[in-house]
Amino acid sequence: MKQIIIFLLVIIVLAIGYNIYKEHKRFTPPEYEYVTNKNIDLNYHDRSFLLNYYKAVEDLNGHVITQWSANGIDVRNSDSDDEEELAAISKYTDKLGAVKFYEDQLVKSKTLKDSGLTNANIKLLETKGISIAEFEKEKVQSKLIALFNDNISELRVGQKSVFVYELQKLLVKNGFDIPVDGLYKTITRDAILSFEEKNGLFPDGKVDLLTFEALLK
């Protein structure tokens, strides 16, 4: 008699367990959670942007589990032509797109920080909508403009300086075959004159701001 009771209890426990499992399966689709990317910038300069990323992930996961539990639709993997399913899948695609939008920006930010950029630099990059290569080019150009402002009044034949060296590099970059030695000689002045003629600038062989900015382009 005791063994029969134990057997019945085991059957009851198994039945209850199976029902719980069925309910769990009903309300929890397999591997439904979209896991946040580990390579995002957790110290992103715009905290609200980071918060919106987490909200978008929660919204995506909520849509997946709601469609599964309420309608039996796995929006991640369905080839049905049913109108309701197609609408649910379309909504899932939109929500996934939002997650990827935030995620891509945060991953890019971390990559830039790993390369040595600061939050301020990254914010500037995003504001201007330029690449890191363009950003670095702008930094170099700003330094050269400052060098120009410090040295242009002193530029004369026979002068040797860092500015002349950088000027010669720019002329070579623009196709002129001249020595890059930092010494301002007639060959450098003639190259400037030729550059001005080719670019519609006043051809006086002098490096004014318009000529220098044209060389930087």
N, C-alpha and C. Protein backbone atom coordinates (compact mmCIF):
# COMPACT_ATOMS: atom_id res chain seq x y z
N MET A 1 0.82 -1.21 0.00
CA MET A 1 0.00 0.00 0.00
C MET A 1 0.87 1.27 0.00
N LYS A 2 1.92 1.24 0.83
CA LYS A 2 2.83 2.37 0.94
C LYS A 2 3.51 2.65 -0.39
N GLN A 3 3.88 1.58 -1.10
CA GLN A 3 4.55 1.72 -2.38
C GLN A 3 3.61 2.32 -3.42
N ILE A 4 2.34 1.95 -3.36
CA ILE A 4 1.35 2.50 -4.29
C ILE A 4 1.18 4.00 -4.08
N ILE A 5 1.13 4.39 -2.80
CA ILE A 5 0.98 5.81 -2.47
C ILE A 5 2.18 6.61 -2.98
N ILE A 6 3.40 6.07 -2.75
CA ILE A 6 4.61 6.73 -3.22
C ILE A 6 4.60 6.85 -4.74
N PHE A 7 4.17 5.78 -5.39
CA PHE A 7 4.10 5.77 -6.86
C PHE A 7 3.15 6.85 -7.35
N LEU A 8 1.96 6.94 -6.69
CA LEU A 8 0.97 7.94 -7.09
C LEU A 8 1.50 9.36 -6.87
N LEU A 9 2.23 9.53 -5.75
CA LEU A 9 2.81 10.84 -5.46
C LEU A 9 3.83 11.24 -6.52
N VAL A 10 4.63 10.26 -6.94
CA VAL A 10 5.63 10.51 -7.99
C VAL A 10 4.94 10.92 -9.28
N ILE A 11 3.83 10.21 -9.61
CA ILE A 11 3.08 10.53 -10.82
C ILE A 11 2.52 11.95 -10.74
N ILE A 12 1.98 12.29 -9.57
CA ILE A 12 1.40 13.63 -9.39
C ILE A 12 2.48 14.71 -9.54
N VAL A 13 3.64 14.49 -8.90
CA VAL A 13 4.74 15.45 -8.99
C VAL A 13 5.21 15.61 -10.43
N LEU A 14 5.32 14.49 -11.14
CA LEU A 14 5.75 14.54 -12.54
C LEU A 14 4.73 15.30 -13.39
N ALA A 15 3.45 15.08 -13.11
CA ALA A 15 2.40 15.76 -13.87
C ALA A 15 2.43 17.26 -13.62
N ILE A 16 2.61 17.63 -12.35
CA ILE A 16 2.69 19.05 -12.01
C ILE A 16 3.92 19.69 -12.67
N GLY A 17 5.03 18.94 -12.58
CA GLY A 17 6.26 19.44 -13.18
C GLY A 17 6.13 19.63 -14.68
N TYR A 18 5.45 18.69 -15.32
CA TYR A 18 5.27 18.78 -16.77
C TYR A 18 4.40 19.97 -17.14
N ASN A 19 3.35 20.19 -16.35
CA ASN A 19 2.47 21.34 -16.61
C ASN A 19 3.23 22.66 -16.44
N ILE A 20 4.08 22.72 -15.39
CA ILE A 20 4.89 23.92 -15.17
C ILE A 20 5.83 24.14 -16.34
N TYR A 21 6.42 23.02 -16.81
CA TYR A 21 7.34 23.10 -17.94
C TYR A 21 6.61 23.59 -19.20
N LYS A 22 5.38 23.10 -19.41
CA LYS A 22 4.59 23.51 -20.57
C LYS A 22 4.28 25.01 -20.51
N GLU A 23 3.93 25.45 -19.31
CA GLU A 23 3.63 26.87 -19.14
C GLU A 23 4.88 27.72 -19.39
N HIS A 24 6.00 27.20 -18.89
CA HIS A 24 7.25 27.91 -19.10
C HIS A 24 7.58 27.99 -20.60
N LYS A 25 7.41 26.89 -21.31
CA LYS A 25 7.67 26.85 -22.74
C LYS A 25 6.73 27.78 -23.49
N ARG A 26 5.49 27.84 -22.97
CA ARG A 26 4.50 28.69 -23.63
C ARG A 26 4.87 30.16 -23.51
N PHE A 27 5.31 30.55 -22.35
CA PHE A 27 5.59 31.96 -22.11
C PHE A 27 7.05 32.35 -22.33
N THR A 28 7.91 31.37 -22.55
CA THR A 28 9.33 31.68 -22.74
C THR A 28 9.87 31.00 -24.00
N PRO A 29 10.02 31.72 -25.09
CA PRO A 29 10.58 31.13 -26.30
C PRO A 29 12.05 30.76 -26.08
N PRO A 30 12.55 29.77 -26.81
CA PRO A 30 13.94 29.33 -26.62
C PRO A 30 14.95 30.43 -27.00
N GLU A 31 15.88 30.69 -26.06
CA GLU A 31 16.95 31.66 -26.29
C GLU A 31 16.41 32.96 -26.90
N TYR A 32 15.39 33.50 -26.26
CA TYR A 32 14.71 34.66 -26.82
C TYR A 32 15.44 35.97 -26.56
N GLU A 33 16.28 36.01 -25.53
CA GLU A 33 16.87 37.28 -25.12
C GLU A 33 17.96 37.78 -26.07
N TYR A 34 17.83 39.01 -26.46
CA TYR A 34 18.92 39.67 -27.17
C TYR A 34 19.89 40.15 -26.11
N VAL A 35 21.11 39.65 -26.14
CA VAL A 35 22.10 39.97 -25.11
C VAL A 35 22.85 41.23 -25.51
N THR A 36 22.99 42.16 -24.58
CA THR A 36 23.71 43.40 -24.87
C THR A 36 25.16 43.10 -25.24
N ASN A 37 25.66 43.87 -26.19
CA ASN A 37 27.02 43.68 -26.69
C ASN A 37 28.04 44.05 -25.61
N LYS A 38 29.04 43.21 -25.42
CA LYS A 38 30.07 43.45 -24.41
C LYS A 38 31.09 44.50 -24.85
N ASN A 39 31.08 44.83 -26.13
CA ASN A 39 32.09 45.75 -26.66
C ASN A 39 31.56 47.17 -26.82
N ILE A 40 30.55 47.55 -26.03
CA ILE A 40 30.03 48.90 -26.12
C ILE A 40 30.77 49.81 -25.14
N ASP A 41 30.69 51.10 -25.39
CA ASP A 41 31.32 52.10 -24.52
C ASP A 41 30.39 52.39 -23.34
N LEU A 42 30.72 51.85 -22.18
CA LEU A 42 29.89 52.03 -20.99
C LEU A 42 30.03 53.43 -20.39
N ASN A 43 31.02 54.19 -20.86
CA ASN A 43 31.22 55.57 -20.39
C ASN A 43 31.00 56.56 -21.53
N TYR A 44 30.04 56.25 -22.38
CA TYR A 44 29.73 57.10 -23.52
C TYR A 44 29.35 58.50 -23.04
N HIS A 45 29.77 59.51 -23.82
CA HIS A 45 29.59 60.90 -23.37
C HIS A 45 28.12 61.30 -23.22
N ASP A 46 27.22 60.66 -23.96
CA ASP A 46 25.79 60.96 -23.85
C ASP A 46 25.11 59.82 -23.10
N ARG A 47 24.87 60.02 -21.80
CA ARG A 47 24.32 58.95 -20.96
C ARG A 47 22.90 58.57 -21.39
N SER A 48 22.15 59.53 -21.91
CA SER A 48 20.78 59.22 -22.34
C SER A 48 20.80 58.29 -23.55
N PHE A 49 21.82 58.43 -24.41
CA PHE A 49 21.96 57.56 -25.57
C PHE A 49 22.20 56.12 -25.11
N LEU A 50 23.06 55.96 -24.10
CA LEU A 50 23.34 54.64 -23.54
C LEU A 50 22.09 54.04 -22.91
N LEU A 51 21.33 54.87 -22.19
CA LEU A 51 20.09 54.42 -21.57
C LEU A 51 19.09 53.99 -22.64
N ASN A 52 19.00 54.73 -23.72
CA ASN A 52 18.09 54.39 -24.80
C ASN A 52 18.44 53.05 -25.44
N TYR A 53 19.74 52.73 -25.47
CA TYR A 53 20.18 51.43 -25.98
C TYR A 53 19.61 50.29 -25.13
N TYR A 54 19.76 50.42 -23.81
CA TYR A 54 19.24 49.39 -22.92
C TYR A 54 17.72 49.29 -23.00
N LYS A 55 17.06 50.43 -23.14
CA LYS A 55 15.60 50.43 -23.28
C LYS A 55 15.19 49.73 -24.58
N ALA A 56 15.94 49.98 -25.64
CA ALA A 56 15.63 49.36 -26.93
C ALA A 56 15.80 47.85 -26.87
N VAL A 57 16.82 47.39 -26.14
CA VAL A 57 17.03 45.94 -25.97
C VAL A 57 15.86 45.33 -25.20
N GLU A 58 15.44 45.99 -24.11
CA GLU A 58 14.32 45.50 -23.31
C GLU A 58 13.04 45.49 -24.13
N ASP A 59 12.85 46.52 -24.93
CA ASP A 59 11.66 46.60 -25.78
C ASP A 59 11.65 45.48 -26.81
N LEU A 60 12.80 45.19 -27.37
CA LEU A 60 12.91 44.10 -28.34
C LEU A 60 12.60 42.75 -27.69
N ASN A 61 13.21 42.48 -26.55
CA ASN A 61 12.97 41.21 -25.86
C ASN A 61 11.52 41.09 -25.42
N GLY A 62 10.93 42.20 -24.98
CA GLY A 62 9.53 42.18 -24.57
C GLY A 62 8.61 41.84 -25.73
N HIS A 63 8.92 42.36 -26.91
CA HIS A 63 8.10 42.05 -28.10
C HIS A 63 8.21 40.57 -28.46
N VAL A 64 9.42 40.03 -28.40
CA VAL A 64 9.62 38.62 -28.74
C VAL A 64 8.81 37.72 -27.81
N ILE A 65 8.91 37.96 -26.51
CA ILE A 65 8.25 37.07 -25.55
C ILE A 65 6.74 37.27 -25.55
N THR A 66 6.27 38.49 -25.81
CA THR A 66 4.83 38.74 -25.86
C THR A 66 4.20 38.04 -27.05
N GLN A 67 4.83 38.15 -28.21
CA GLN A 67 4.30 37.50 -29.40
C GLN A 67 4.29 35.97 -29.26
N TRP A 68 5.31 35.47 -28.56
CA TRP A 68 5.38 34.01 -28.35
C TRP A 68 4.29 33.54 -27.39
N SER A 69 4.17 34.20 -26.25
CA SER A 69 3.24 33.75 -25.21
C SER A 69 1.78 34.04 -25.56
N ALA A 70 1.53 35.18 -26.20
CA ALA A 70 0.15 35.55 -26.47
C ALA A 70 -0.37 34.99 -27.80
N ASN A 71 0.52 34.92 -28.80
CA ASN A 71 0.06 34.53 -30.14
C ASN A 71 0.76 33.31 -30.72
N GLY A 72 1.76 32.80 -29.97
CA GLY A 72 2.47 31.62 -30.46
C GLY A 72 3.34 31.92 -31.67
N ILE A 73 3.78 33.17 -31.80
CA ILE A 73 4.59 33.58 -32.97
C ILE A 73 6.03 33.77 -32.54
N ASP A 74 6.94 33.08 -33.21
CA ASP A 74 8.36 33.31 -33.01
C ASP A 74 8.81 34.30 -34.09
N VAL A 75 8.84 35.57 -33.73
CA VAL A 75 9.12 36.62 -34.72
C VAL A 75 10.53 36.55 -35.28
N ARG A 76 11.40 35.80 -34.62
CA ARG A 76 12.79 35.70 -35.08
C ARG A 76 12.96 34.66 -36.16
N ASN A 77 11.99 33.75 -36.25
CA ASN A 77 12.16 32.63 -37.18
C ASN A 77 10.79 32.15 -37.65
N SER A 78 10.28 32.80 -38.67
CA SER A 78 8.96 32.44 -39.19
C SER A 78 8.92 32.66 -40.69
N ASP A 79 8.32 31.72 -41.39
CA ASP A 79 8.17 31.86 -42.85
C ASP A 79 6.69 31.85 -43.23
N SER A 80 5.82 32.19 -42.27
CA SER A 80 4.39 32.19 -42.51
C SER A 80 3.98 33.40 -43.34
N ASP A 81 2.87 33.24 -44.09
CA ASP A 81 2.31 34.34 -44.86
C ASP A 81 1.13 34.97 -44.14
N ASP A 82 0.90 34.51 -42.90
CA ASP A 82 -0.21 35.05 -42.12
C ASP A 82 0.00 36.55 -41.87
N GLU A 83 -1.06 37.32 -42.07
CA GLU A 83 -0.96 38.78 -41.96
C GLU A 83 -0.54 39.23 -40.56
N GLU A 84 -1.08 38.56 -39.54
CA GLU A 84 -0.75 38.93 -38.16
C GLU A 84 0.73 38.66 -37.87
N GLU A 85 1.20 37.50 -38.35
CA GLU A 85 2.61 37.17 -38.14
C GLU A 85 3.53 38.12 -38.88
N LEU A 86 3.17 38.46 -40.10
CA LEU A 86 3.99 39.38 -40.89
C LEU A 86 4.09 40.74 -40.21
N ALA A 87 2.99 41.19 -39.63
CA ALA A 87 2.98 42.48 -38.93
C ALA A 87 3.88 42.41 -37.69
N ALA A 88 3.80 41.28 -36.97
CA ALA A 88 4.62 41.10 -35.76
C ALA A 88 6.11 41.03 -36.13
N ILE A 89 6.41 40.37 -37.23
CA ILE A 89 7.80 40.25 -37.68
C ILE A 89 8.33 41.61 -38.14
N SER A 90 7.50 42.36 -38.83
CA SER A 90 7.91 43.69 -39.28
C SER A 90 8.22 44.60 -38.09
N LYS A 91 7.41 44.48 -37.05
CA LYS A 91 7.64 45.28 -35.85
C LYS A 91 8.93 44.85 -35.16
N TYR A 92 9.18 43.56 -35.18
CA TYR A 92 10.43 43.03 -34.60
C TYR A 92 11.64 43.57 -35.35
N THR A 93 11.53 43.60 -36.67
CA THR A 93 12.63 44.11 -37.50
C THR A 93 12.92 45.57 -37.18
N ASP A 94 11.87 46.36 -37.00
CA ASP A 94 12.05 47.77 -36.65
C ASP A 94 12.73 47.92 -35.30
N LYS A 95 12.32 47.13 -34.33
CA LYS A 95 12.89 47.20 -32.98
C LYS A 95 14.34 46.73 -32.98
N LEU A 96 14.63 45.69 -33.77
CA LEU A 96 16.00 45.21 -33.88
C LEU A 96 16.89 46.28 -34.54
N GLY A 97 16.33 46.96 -35.53
CA GLY A 97 17.07 48.04 -36.19
C GLY A 97 17.43 49.15 -35.22
N ALA A 98 16.51 49.48 -34.32
CA ALA A 98 16.77 50.51 -33.31
C ALA A 98 17.91 50.09 -32.39
N VAL A 99 17.90 48.82 -31.97
CA VAL A 99 18.96 48.29 -31.11
C VAL A 99 20.31 48.39 -31.82
N LYS A 100 20.34 47.98 -33.07
CA LYS A 100 21.59 48.00 -33.84
C LYS A 100 22.11 49.42 -34.05
N PHE A 101 21.18 50.37 -34.22
CA PHE A 101 21.57 51.76 -34.40
C PHE A 101 22.35 52.25 -33.17
N TYR A 102 21.78 52.03 -31.98
CA TYR A 102 22.46 52.44 -30.75
C TYR A 102 23.75 51.64 -30.54
N GLU A 103 23.66 50.35 -30.78
CA GLU A 103 24.79 49.47 -30.52
C GLU A 103 26.00 49.80 -31.39
N ASP A 104 25.76 50.03 -32.67
CA ASP A 104 26.86 50.34 -33.59
C ASP A 104 27.61 51.60 -33.15
N GLN A 105 26.85 52.60 -32.71
CA GLN A 105 27.47 53.86 -32.28
C GLN A 105 28.30 53.66 -31.02
N LEU A 106 27.78 52.85 -30.09
CA LEU A 106 28.48 52.61 -28.82
C LEU A 106 29.72 51.75 -29.02
N VAL A 107 29.65 50.79 -29.92
CA VAL A 107 30.82 49.95 -30.23
C VAL A 107 31.89 50.80 -30.92
N LYS A 108 31.46 51.65 -31.83
CA LYS A 108 32.40 52.54 -32.53
C LYS A 108 33.09 53.46 -31.54
N SER A 109 32.32 53.97 -30.57
CA SER A 109 32.90 54.86 -29.57
C SER A 109 33.98 54.16 -28.75
N LYS A 110 33.72 52.91 -28.38
CA LYS A 110 34.71 52.16 -27.59
C LYS A 110 35.97 51.92 -28.42
N THR A 111 35.79 51.62 -29.70
CA THR A 111 36.94 51.40 -30.59
C THR A 111 37.79 52.67 -30.69
N LEU A 112 37.11 53.81 -30.80
CA LEU A 112 37.83 55.08 -30.88
C LEU A 112 38.57 55.38 -29.59
N LYS A 113 37.94 55.07 -28.46
CA LYS A 113 38.61 55.30 -27.17
C LYS A 113 39.82 54.39 -27.02
N ASP A 114 39.68 53.16 -27.51
CA ASP A 114 40.80 52.23 -27.45
C ASP A 114 41.98 52.73 -28.28
N SER A 115 41.66 53.57 -29.28
CA SER A 115 42.73 54.12 -30.14
C SER A 115 43.32 55.40 -29.55
N GLY A 116 42.75 55.85 -28.42
CA GLY A 116 43.33 56.99 -27.72
C GLY A 116 42.51 58.26 -27.72
N LEU A 117 41.34 58.27 -28.38
CA LEU A 117 40.51 59.47 -28.40
C LEU A 117 39.76 59.66 -27.09
N THR A 118 39.49 60.89 -26.76
CA THR A 118 38.74 61.21 -25.54
C THR A 118 37.25 61.36 -25.86
N ASN A 119 36.44 61.46 -24.79
CA ASN A 119 35.01 61.69 -24.97
C ASN A 119 34.76 62.96 -25.76
N ALA A 120 35.53 64.01 -25.46
CA ALA A 120 35.35 65.29 -26.15
C ALA A 120 35.64 65.16 -27.65
N ASN A 121 36.69 64.42 -27.99
CA ASN A 121 37.03 64.22 -29.40
C ASN A 121 35.95 63.41 -30.13
N ILE A 122 35.45 62.39 -29.45
CA ILE A 122 34.42 61.54 -30.05
C ILE A 122 33.14 62.34 -30.28
N LYS A 123 32.80 63.18 -29.31
CA LYS A 123 31.62 64.04 -29.45
C LYS A 123 31.79 64.98 -30.63
N LEU A 124 32.99 65.51 -30.79
CA LEU A 124 33.28 66.40 -31.92
C LEU A 124 33.16 65.67 -33.25
N LEU A 125 33.67 64.44 -33.30
CA LEU A 125 33.56 63.63 -34.51
C LEU A 125 32.10 63.42 -34.90
N GLU A 126 31.27 63.09 -33.91
CA GLU A 126 29.86 62.82 -34.18
C GLU A 126 29.12 64.09 -34.58
N THR A 127 29.47 65.22 -33.95
CA THR A 127 28.82 66.49 -34.28
C THR A 127 29.12 66.90 -35.72
N LYS A 128 30.38 66.73 -36.12
CA LYS A 128 30.79 67.11 -37.48
C LYS A 128 30.42 66.06 -38.51
N GLY A 129 30.18 64.83 -38.04
CA GLY A 129 29.85 63.76 -38.98
C GLY A 129 31.00 63.36 -39.86
N ILE A 130 32.21 63.34 -39.28
CA ILE A 130 33.40 63.01 -40.06
C ILE A 130 34.06 61.75 -39.51
N SER A 131 34.92 61.16 -40.32
CA SER A 131 35.65 59.96 -39.91
C SER A 131 36.85 60.34 -39.07
N ILE A 132 37.44 59.33 -38.42
CA ILE A 132 38.62 59.58 -37.60
C ILE A 132 39.79 60.07 -38.47
N ALA A 133 39.86 59.58 -39.72
CA ALA A 133 40.92 60.03 -40.63
C ALA A 133 40.76 61.51 -40.94
N GLU A 134 39.51 61.93 -41.19
CA GLU A 134 39.25 63.34 -41.47
C GLU A 134 39.52 64.19 -40.23
N PHE A 135 39.18 63.63 -39.06
CA PHE A 135 39.42 64.35 -37.81
C PHE A 135 40.92 64.57 -37.59
N GLU A 136 41.70 63.53 -37.83
CA GLU A 136 43.15 63.65 -37.67
C GLU A 136 43.72 64.64 -38.69
N LYS A 137 43.17 64.64 -39.89
CA LYS A 137 43.62 65.58 -40.92
C LYS A 137 43.33 67.02 -40.48
N GLU A 138 42.15 67.23 -39.90
CA GLU A 138 41.80 68.57 -39.41
C GLU A 138 42.74 69.03 -38.31
N LYS A 139 43.11 68.10 -37.43
CA LYS A 139 44.03 68.45 -36.34
C LYS A 139 45.39 68.88 -36.90
N VAL A 140 45.88 68.13 -37.89
CA VAL A 140 47.16 68.47 -38.52
C VAL A 140 47.07 69.82 -39.21
N GLN A 141 45.96 70.04 -39.93
CA GLN A 141 45.79 71.31 -40.64
C GLN A 141 45.72 72.49 -39.68
N SER A 142 45.06 72.29 -38.53
CA SER A 142 44.97 73.37 -37.54
C SER A 142 46.35 73.74 -37.01
N LYS A 143 47.18 72.71 -36.79
CA LYS A 143 48.54 72.96 -36.32
C LYS A 143 49.37 73.69 -37.38
N LEU A 144 49.16 73.31 -38.66
CA LEU A 144 49.90 73.95 -39.73
C LEU A 144 49.47 75.41 -39.92
N ILE A 145 48.17 75.66 -39.75
CA ILE A 145 47.67 77.04 -39.85
C ILE A 145 48.28 77.89 -38.74
N ALA A 146 48.36 77.31 -37.54
CA ALA A 146 48.98 78.03 -36.42
C ALA A 146 50.45 78.30 -36.72
N LEU A 147 51.12 77.30 -37.32
CA LEU A 147 52.52 77.47 -37.70
C LEU A 147 52.67 78.55 -38.76
N PHE A 148 51.72 78.59 -39.69
CA PHE A 148 51.70 79.62 -40.74
C PHE A 148 51.58 81.01 -40.11
N ASN A 149 50.65 81.16 -39.18
CA ASN A 149 50.43 82.46 -38.55
C ASN A 149 51.65 82.95 -37.78
N ASP A 150 52.41 82.00 -37.25
CA ASP A 150 53.60 82.37 -36.46
C ASP A 150 54.81 82.71 -37.32
N ASN A 151 54.80 82.23 -38.59
CA ASN A 151 56.03 82.33 -39.38
C ASN A 151 55.92 83.12 -40.67
N ILE A 152 54.71 83.40 -41.14
CA ILE A 152 54.58 83.96 -42.48
C ILE A 152 55.27 85.31 -42.63
N SER A 153 55.26 86.14 -41.58
CA SER A 153 55.87 87.47 -41.70
C SER A 153 57.39 87.40 -41.83
N GLU A 154 57.97 86.24 -41.46
CA GLU A 154 59.43 86.10 -41.48
C GLU A 154 59.94 85.33 -42.69
N LEU A 155 59.03 84.86 -43.55
CA LEU A 155 59.44 84.01 -44.67
C LEU A 155 60.26 84.80 -45.69
N ARG A 156 61.47 84.33 -45.95
CA ARG A 156 62.37 84.99 -46.90
C ARG A 156 63.37 83.97 -47.43
N VAL A 157 63.95 84.27 -48.60
CA VAL A 157 64.94 83.38 -49.20
C VAL A 157 66.13 83.25 -48.25
N GLY A 158 66.53 82.01 -48.03
CA GLY A 158 67.63 81.73 -47.12
C GLY A 158 67.18 81.31 -45.73
N GLN A 159 65.89 81.50 -45.46
CA GLN A 159 65.37 81.11 -44.14
C GLN A 159 65.28 79.59 -44.02
N LYS A 160 65.63 79.08 -42.86
CA LYS A 160 65.52 77.66 -42.60
C LYS A 160 64.68 77.47 -41.33
N SER A 161 63.58 76.72 -41.47
CA SER A 161 62.69 76.57 -40.32
C SER A 161 61.78 75.36 -40.50
N VAL A 162 61.09 75.03 -39.43
CA VAL A 162 60.11 73.94 -39.47
C VAL A 162 58.98 74.27 -40.43
N PHE A 163 58.58 75.54 -40.44
CA PHE A 163 57.49 75.95 -41.33
C PHE A 163 57.87 75.72 -42.80
N VAL A 164 59.08 76.10 -43.18
CA VAL A 164 59.54 75.89 -44.56
C VAL A 164 59.54 74.40 -44.89
N TYR A 165 59.96 73.60 -43.93
CA TYR A 165 59.99 72.14 -44.13
C TYR A 165 58.58 71.61 -44.41
N GLU A 166 57.60 72.06 -43.61
CA GLU A 166 56.22 71.62 -43.81
C GLU A 166 55.65 72.16 -45.12
N LEU A 167 56.03 73.39 -45.46
CA LEU A 167 55.61 73.99 -46.72
C LEU A 167 56.12 73.18 -47.90
N GLN A 168 57.36 72.78 -47.85
CA GLN A 168 57.94 71.97 -48.92
C GLN A 168 57.24 70.61 -49.04
N LYS A 169 56.88 70.04 -47.90
CA LYS A 169 56.16 68.76 -47.92
C LYS A 169 54.81 68.92 -48.63
N LEU A 170 54.14 70.03 -48.37
CA LEU A 170 52.86 70.28 -49.02
C LEU A 170 53.03 70.48 -50.52
N LEU A 171 54.09 71.16 -50.92
CA LEU A 171 54.36 71.35 -52.34
C LEU A 171 54.65 70.02 -53.04
N VAL A 172 55.43 69.17 -52.39
CA VAL A 172 55.72 67.84 -52.94
C VAL A 172 54.43 67.04 -53.07
N LYS A 173 53.57 67.14 -52.05
CA LYS A 173 52.28 66.44 -52.07
C LYS A 173 51.43 66.91 -53.24
N ASN A 174 51.62 68.17 -53.63
CA ASN A 174 50.86 68.72 -54.76
C ASN A 174 51.57 68.54 -56.10
N GLY A 175 52.60 67.70 -56.12
CA GLY A 175 53.22 67.31 -57.38
C GLY A 175 54.50 68.01 -57.77
N PHE A 176 55.08 68.80 -56.88
CA PHE A 176 56.31 69.52 -57.22
C PHE A 176 57.55 68.75 -56.75
N ASP A 177 58.52 68.66 -57.64
CA ASP A 177 59.75 67.92 -57.35
C ASP A 177 60.79 68.90 -56.80
N ILE A 178 60.75 69.10 -55.50
CA ILE A 178 61.69 70.02 -54.85
C ILE A 178 62.28 69.33 -53.63
N PRO A 179 63.45 69.78 -53.19
CA PRO A 179 64.04 69.19 -51.98
C PRO A 179 63.23 69.58 -50.74
N VAL A 180 63.14 68.65 -49.81
CA VAL A 180 62.47 68.92 -48.53
C VAL A 180 63.56 68.98 -47.47
N ASP A 181 64.10 70.19 -47.28
CA ASP A 181 65.22 70.36 -46.36
C ASP A 181 65.01 71.49 -45.36
N GLY A 182 63.85 72.14 -45.44
CA GLY A 182 63.56 73.22 -44.51
C GLY A 182 64.19 74.55 -44.87
N LEU A 183 64.91 74.60 -46.02
CA LEU A 183 65.60 75.82 -46.44
C LEU A 183 64.82 76.49 -47.57
N TYR A 184 64.41 77.74 -47.34
CA TYR A 184 63.60 78.47 -48.33
C TYR A 184 64.52 79.07 -49.40
N LYS A 185 64.53 78.39 -50.56
CA LYS A 185 65.37 78.82 -51.68
C LYS A 185 64.48 79.19 -52.86
N THR A 186 65.09 79.67 -53.93
CA THR A 186 64.32 80.10 -55.10
C THR A 186 63.50 78.96 -55.70
N ILE A 187 63.99 77.72 -55.58
CA ILE A 187 63.25 76.59 -56.14
C ILE A 187 61.91 76.40 -55.41
N THR A 188 61.93 76.68 -54.10
CA THR A 188 60.69 76.60 -53.33
C THR A 188 59.76 77.74 -53.71
N ARG A 189 60.32 78.95 -53.83
CA ARG A 189 59.51 80.11 -54.21
C ARG A 189 58.91 79.94 -55.60
N ASP A 190 59.69 79.39 -56.53
CA ASP A 190 59.20 79.16 -57.89
C ASP A 190 58.07 78.13 -57.91
N ALA A 191 58.19 77.13 -57.04
CA ALA A 191 57.14 76.11 -56.94
C ALA A 191 55.85 76.73 -56.43
N ILE A 192 55.96 77.65 -55.49
CA ILE A 192 54.78 78.36 -54.97
C ILE A 192 54.13 79.19 -56.08
N LEU A 193 54.94 79.88 -56.83
CA LEU A 193 54.45 80.70 -57.94
C LEU A 193 53.70 79.83 -58.95
N SER A 194 54.29 78.70 -59.30
CA SER A 194 53.67 77.78 -60.25
C SER A 194 52.35 77.23 -59.70
N PHE A 195 52.34 76.92 -58.41
CA PHE A 195 51.12 76.41 -57.78
C PHE A 195 50.01 77.47 -57.83
N GLU A 196 50.36 78.70 -57.59
CA GLU A 196 49.36 79.79 -57.63
C GLU A 196 48.79 79.95 -59.03
N GLU A 197 49.64 79.87 -60.03
CA GLU A 197 49.19 80.00 -61.42
C GLU A 197 48.21 78.88 -61.79
N LYS A 198 48.52 77.68 -61.36
CA LYS A 198 47.69 76.52 -61.68
C LYS A 198 46.35 76.52 -60.94
N ASN A 199 46.29 77.22 -59.82
CA ASN A 199 45.09 77.18 -58.99
C ASN A 199 44.30 78.49 -58.97
N GLY A 200 44.58 79.36 -59.93
CA GLY A 200 43.81 80.59 -60.06
C GLY A 200 44.03 81.59 -58.96
N LEU A 201 45.21 81.54 -58.34
CA LEU A 201 45.55 82.49 -57.28
C LEU A 201 46.48 83.56 -57.85
N PHE A 202 46.55 84.69 -57.15
CA PHE A 202 47.43 85.76 -57.61
C PHE A 202 48.88 85.26 -57.59
N PRO A 203 49.53 85.20 -58.79
CA PRO A 203 50.86 84.57 -58.88
C PRO A 203 52.01 85.51 -58.49
N ASP A 204 52.23 85.65 -57.19
CA ASP A 204 53.33 86.51 -56.75
C ASP A 204 54.43 85.72 -56.04
N GLY A 205 54.25 84.40 -55.93
CA GLY A 205 55.27 83.57 -55.30
C GLY A 205 55.34 83.73 -53.79
N LYS A 206 54.33 84.43 -53.23
CA LYS A 206 54.31 84.62 -51.78
C LYS A 206 53.27 83.69 -51.15
N VAL A 207 53.58 83.25 -49.96
CA VAL A 207 52.66 82.33 -49.28
C VAL A 207 51.73 83.13 -48.38
N ASP A 208 50.60 83.58 -48.96
CA ASP A 208 49.59 84.22 -48.13
C ASP A 208 48.61 83.14 -47.65
N LEU A 209 47.60 83.54 -46.90
CA LEU A 209 46.68 82.57 -46.31
C LEU A 209 45.92 81.78 -47.37
N LEU A 210 45.49 82.47 -48.45
CA LEU A 210 44.75 81.78 -49.52
C LEU A 210 45.60 80.70 -50.17
N THR A 211 46.86 81.02 -50.42
CA THR A 211 47.77 80.05 -51.04
C THR A 211 48.01 78.86 -50.10
N PHE A 212 48.22 79.17 -48.83
CA PHE A 212 48.50 78.10 -47.87
C PHE A 212 47.30 77.18 -47.69
N GLU A 213 46.10 77.75 -47.59
CA GLU A 213 44.89 76.93 -47.44
C GLU A 213 44.67 76.06 -48.67
N ALA A 214 44.99 76.60 -49.85
CA ALA A 214 44.85 75.82 -51.09
C ALA A 214 45.83 74.65 -51.09
N LEU A 215 47.02 74.86 -50.54
CA LEU A 215 48.00 73.78 -50.43
C LEU A 215 47.53 72.68 -49.48
N LEU A 216 46.76 73.06 -48.48
CA LEU A 216 46.30 72.09 -47.49
C LEU A 216 45.20 71.18 -48.00
N LYS A 217 44.49 71.61 -49.05
CA LYS A 217 43.35 70.84 -49.54
C LYS A 217 43.81 69.55 -50.20
